C-alpha atoms as a PDB file:
ATOM      1  CA  MET A   1      35.008   7.721 -23.288  1.00  0.00           C
ATOM      2  CA  THR A   2      36.913   5.405 -21.005  1.00  0.00           C
ATOM      3  CA  ILE A   3      35.524   2.109 -19.765  1.00  0.00           C
ATOM      4  CA  LYS A   4      35.544   3.438 -16.198  1.00  0.00           C
ATOM      5  CA  LYS A   5      33.392   6.470 -17.168  1.00  0.00           C
ATOM      6  CA  ALA A   6      31.011   4.311 -19.211  1.00  0.00           C
ATOM      7  CA  SER A   7      30.648   1.883 -16.312  1.00  0.00           C
ATOM      8  CA  LEU A   8      29.994   4.745 -13.896  1.00  0.00           C
ATOM      9  CA  ILE A   9      27.378   6.290 -16.209  1.00  0.00           C
ATOM     10  CA  SER A  10      25.582   2.976 -16.817  1.00  0.00           C
ATOM     11  CA  GLY A  11      25.585   2.298 -13.064  1.00  0.00           C
ATOM     12  CA  PHE A  12      24.039   5.715 -12.428  1.00  0.00           C
ATOM     13  CA  VAL A  13      21.361   5.143 -15.100  1.00  0.00           C
ATOM     14  CA  LEU A  14      20.551   1.727 -13.608  1.00  0.00           C
ATOM     15  CA  LEU A  15      20.251   3.246 -10.129  1.00  0.00           C
ATOM     16  CA  LEU A  16      18.028   6.045 -11.452  1.00  0.00           C
ATOM     17  CA  CYS A  17      15.747   3.573 -13.252  1.00  0.00           C
ATOM     18  CA  SER A  18      15.404   1.355 -10.200  1.00  0.00           C
ATOM     19  CA  CYS A  19      14.467   4.337  -7.998  1.00  0.00           C
ATOM     20  CA  VAL A  20      11.829   5.510 -10.453  1.00  0.00           C
ATOM     21  CA  SER A  21      10.235   2.084 -10.922  1.00  0.00           C
ATOM     22  CA  PHE A  22      10.004   1.230  -7.228  1.00  0.00           C
ATOM     23  CA  GLY A  23       9.345   4.630  -5.693  1.00  0.00           C
ATOM     24  CA  ALA A  24      10.556   6.412  -2.613  1.00  0.00           C
ATOM     25  CA  PRO A  25      11.422   4.747   0.685  1.00  0.00           C
ATOM     26  CA  VAL A  26       8.724   4.685   3.362  1.00  0.00           C
ATOM     27  CA  THR A  27      10.474   5.255   6.684  1.00  0.00           C
ATOM     28  CA  THR A  28       7.802   6.413   9.154  1.00  0.00           C
ATOM     29  CA  THR A  29       4.345   5.252  10.177  1.00  0.00           C
ATOM     30  CA  THR A  30       2.947   8.597   8.973  1.00  0.00           C
ATOM     31  CA  GLN A  31       4.406   7.932   5.514  1.00  0.00           C
ATOM     32  CA  ALA A  32       2.948   4.406   5.634  1.00  0.00           C
ATOM     33  CA  VAL A  33      -0.554   5.765   6.390  1.00  0.00           C
ATOM     34  CA  ASN A  34      -0.218   8.332   3.592  1.00  0.00           C
ATOM     35  CA  LYS A  35       0.966   5.631   1.168  1.00  0.00           C
ATOM     36  CA  ALA A  36      -1.877   3.312   2.215  1.00  0.00           C
ATOM     37  CA  SER A  37      -4.462   6.053   1.694  1.00  0.00           C
ATOM     38  CA  ALA A  38      -3.005   6.955  -1.711  1.00  0.00           C
ATOM     39  CA  VAL A  39      -2.984   3.297  -2.821  1.00  0.00           C
ATOM     40  CA  ILE A  40      -6.577   2.763  -1.674  1.00  0.00           C
ATOM     41  CA  ASN A  41      -7.670   5.815  -3.669  1.00  0.00           C
ATOM     42  CA  GLU A  42      -5.617   5.071  -6.786  1.00  0.00           C
ATOM     43  CA  TYR A  43      -6.665   1.416  -7.023  1.00  0.00           C
ATOM     44  CA  ASP A  44     -10.295   1.856  -5.813  1.00  0.00           C
ATOM     45  CA  LEU A  45      -9.871  -0.808  -3.147  1.00  0.00           C
ATOM     46  CA  VAL A  46     -13.021   0.184  -1.248  1.00  0.00           C
ATOM     47  CA  SER A  47     -16.298   1.852  -2.122  1.00  0.00           C
ATOM     48  CA  ILE A  48     -17.004   3.238   1.347  1.00  0.00           C
ATOM     49  CA  SER A  49     -16.043   6.775   2.327  1.00  0.00           C
ATOM     50  CA  LYS A  50     -12.340   7.210   3.108  1.00  0.00           C
ATOM     51  CA  GLU A  51     -13.373   8.856   6.393  1.00  0.00           C
ATOM     52  CA  CYS A  52     -14.792   5.490   7.447  1.00  0.00           C
ATOM     53  CA  LEU A  53     -11.419   3.717   7.231  1.00  0.00           C
ATOM     54  CA  GLY A  54      -9.030   3.107  10.100  1.00  0.00           C
ATOM     55  CA  TYR A  55      -5.460   1.859  10.021  1.00  0.00           C
ATOM     56  CA  ASN A  56      -3.316  -0.244  12.345  1.00  0.00           C
ATOM     57  CA  ILE A  57       0.369  -0.421  11.450  1.00  0.00           C
ATOM     58  CA  ASN A  58       3.045  -2.937  12.334  1.00  0.00           C
ATOM     59  CA  GLY A  59       6.496  -1.852  11.199  1.00  0.00           C
ATOM     60  CA  LYS A  60       8.716  -4.364  12.978  1.00  0.00           C
ATOM     61  CA  SER A  61      10.085  -5.992   9.810  1.00  0.00           C
ATOM     62  CA  LYS A  62      11.355  -4.857   6.393  1.00  0.00           C
ATOM     63  CA  ALA A  63       7.808  -3.833   5.515  1.00  0.00           C
ATOM     64  CA  TYR A  64       4.939  -1.985   7.112  1.00  0.00           C
ATOM     65  CA  ILE A  65       1.906  -4.236   7.460  1.00  0.00           C
ATOM     66  CA  VAL A  66      -1.158  -1.998   7.407  1.00  0.00           C
ATOM     67  CA  ARG A  67      -4.459  -3.403   8.610  1.00  0.00           C
ATOM     68  CA  VAL A  68      -7.273  -1.498   6.891  1.00  0.00           C
ATOM     69  CA  ARG A  69     -10.491  -1.620   8.864  1.00  0.00           C
ATOM     70  CA  LYS A  70     -13.976  -0.149   8.610  1.00  0.00           C
ATOM     71  CA  LEU A  71     -14.875   2.324  11.307  1.00  0.00           C
ATOM     72  CA  ASN A  72     -18.386   1.894  12.687  1.00  0.00           C
ATOM     73  CA  ASP A  73     -20.025   4.932  14.263  1.00  0.00           C
ATOM     74  CA  LYS A  74     -23.026   7.231  13.777  1.00  0.00           C
ATOM     75  CA  VAL A  75     -21.541   8.714  10.595  1.00  0.00           C
ATOM     76  CA  CYS A  76     -20.257   5.465   9.019  1.00  0.00           C
ATOM     77  CA  GLY A  77     -22.983   3.163  10.310  1.00  0.00           C
ATOM     78  CA  GLY A  78     -22.573  -0.313  11.710  1.00  0.00           C
ATOM     79  CA  ASN A  79     -22.096  -1.670  15.195  1.00  0.00           C
ATOM     80  CA  PRO A  80     -19.831   0.769  17.104  1.00  0.00           C
ATOM     81  CA  ASN A  81     -18.396  -2.138  19.133  1.00  0.00           C
ATOM     82  CA  VAL A  82     -16.940  -3.764  16.020  1.00  0.00           C
ATOM     83  CA  GLU A  83     -14.357  -2.510  13.521  1.00  0.00           C
ATOM     84  CA  PRO A  84     -13.953  -5.291  10.959  1.00  0.00           C
ATOM     85  CA  THR A  85     -10.706  -5.813   9.079  1.00  0.00           C
ATOM     86  CA  LEU A  86     -11.238  -5.302   5.356  1.00  0.00           C
ATOM     87  CA  PHE A  87      -7.768  -6.231   4.081  1.00  0.00           C
ATOM     88  CA  PHE A  88      -4.049  -5.722   4.623  1.00  0.00           C
ATOM     89  CA  LEU A  89      -1.409  -3.781   2.708  1.00  0.00           C
ATOM     90  CA  LYS A  90       2.285  -4.655   2.793  1.00  0.00           C
ATOM     91  CA  ILE A  91       4.453  -1.591   2.089  1.00  0.00           C
ATOM     92  CA  MET A  92       8.177  -2.250   1.664  1.00  0.00           C
ATOM     93  CA  LYS A  93      10.224   0.264   3.657  1.00  0.00           C
ATOM     94  CA  ILE A  94      13.122   0.364   1.193  1.00  0.00           C
ATOM     95  CA  ASN A  95      11.120   1.349  -1.897  1.00  0.00           C
ATOM     96  CA  GLY A  96       7.401   1.692  -1.091  1.00  0.00           C
ATOM     97  CA  GLN A  97       6.434  -1.295  -3.238  1.00  0.00           C
ATOM     98  CA  THR A  98       2.956  -2.316  -2.097  1.00  0.00           C
ATOM     99  CA  THR A  99       0.961  -5.554  -2.217  1.00  0.00           C
ATOM    100  CA  THR A 100      -2.478  -6.296  -0.784  1.00  0.00           C
ATOM    101  CA  THR A 101      -4.849  -9.013   0.366  1.00  0.00           C
ATOM    102  CA  ALA A 102      -7.810  -7.069  -1.099  1.00  0.00           C
ATOM    103  CA  TYR A 103      -7.952  -9.367  -4.163  1.00  0.00           C
ATOM    104  CA  SER A 104      -7.308 -12.562  -2.225  1.00  0.00           C
ATOM    105  CA  THR A 105      -9.744 -15.103  -0.828  1.00  0.00           C
ATOM    106  CA  ASP A 106      -6.986 -16.956   1.045  1.00  0.00           C
ATOM    107  CA  GLY A 107      -5.256 -13.980   2.713  1.00  0.00           C
ATOM    108  CA  SER A 108      -2.187 -14.010   0.495  1.00  0.00           C
ATOM    109  CA  PHE A 109      -0.622 -10.758  -0.673  1.00  0.00           C
ATOM    110  CA  LYS A 110      -1.108  -9.954  -4.367  1.00  0.00           C
ATOM    111  CA  PRO A 111       0.291  -7.168  -6.576  1.00  0.00           C
ATOM    112  CA  LEU A 112      -1.871  -4.074  -6.965  1.00  0.00           C
ATOM    113  CA  SER A 113      -3.855  -3.995 -10.181  1.00  0.00           C
ATOM    114  CA  HIS A 114      -6.102  -1.539 -11.971  1.00  0.00           C
ATOM    115  CA  GLN A 115      -7.570  -4.532 -13.819  1.00  0.00           C
ATOM    116  CA  LYS A 116      -8.788  -6.509 -10.794  1.00  0.00           C
ATOM    117  CA  GLN A 117     -11.771  -5.667  -8.638  1.00  0.00           C
ATOM    118  CA  SER A 118     -11.179  -5.547  -4.908  1.00  0.00           C
ATOM    119  CA  LEU A 119     -13.370  -7.862  -2.851  1.00  0.00           C
ATOM    120  CA  PHE A 120     -14.412  -4.770  -0.866  1.00  0.00           C
ATOM    121  CA  TYR A 121     -15.621  -2.580  -3.701  1.00  0.00           C
ATOM    122  CA  GLU A 122     -19.345  -2.456  -4.381  1.00  0.00           C
ATOM    123  CA  LYS A 123     -20.727  -0.495  -7.303  1.00  0.00           C
END
């Protein structure tokens, strides 16, 4: 095998590994909402019904910033004039890598973790 072929193959393997570890790009607000919902479910970020969550999305930078809020109505309870922010998700457009403020008391974004308990999860 020539050096050029070996270099090409190793470059392809490196590219393949990086795509697998970071995930698919998130290029639309619909994809950002779907990713946010999937992350909330997978990491148990809230204990309230998923139907009682609302999303606001800002996609003006290299990442989607998703504000996750609690909907208040007859079904979900609470004051219907208020929809409190629970936490934020930051979803990178290029690879879908996601961080959250759900574990943070100071509003900083932290990596997702199956080991940590979200501040918004009540058992």
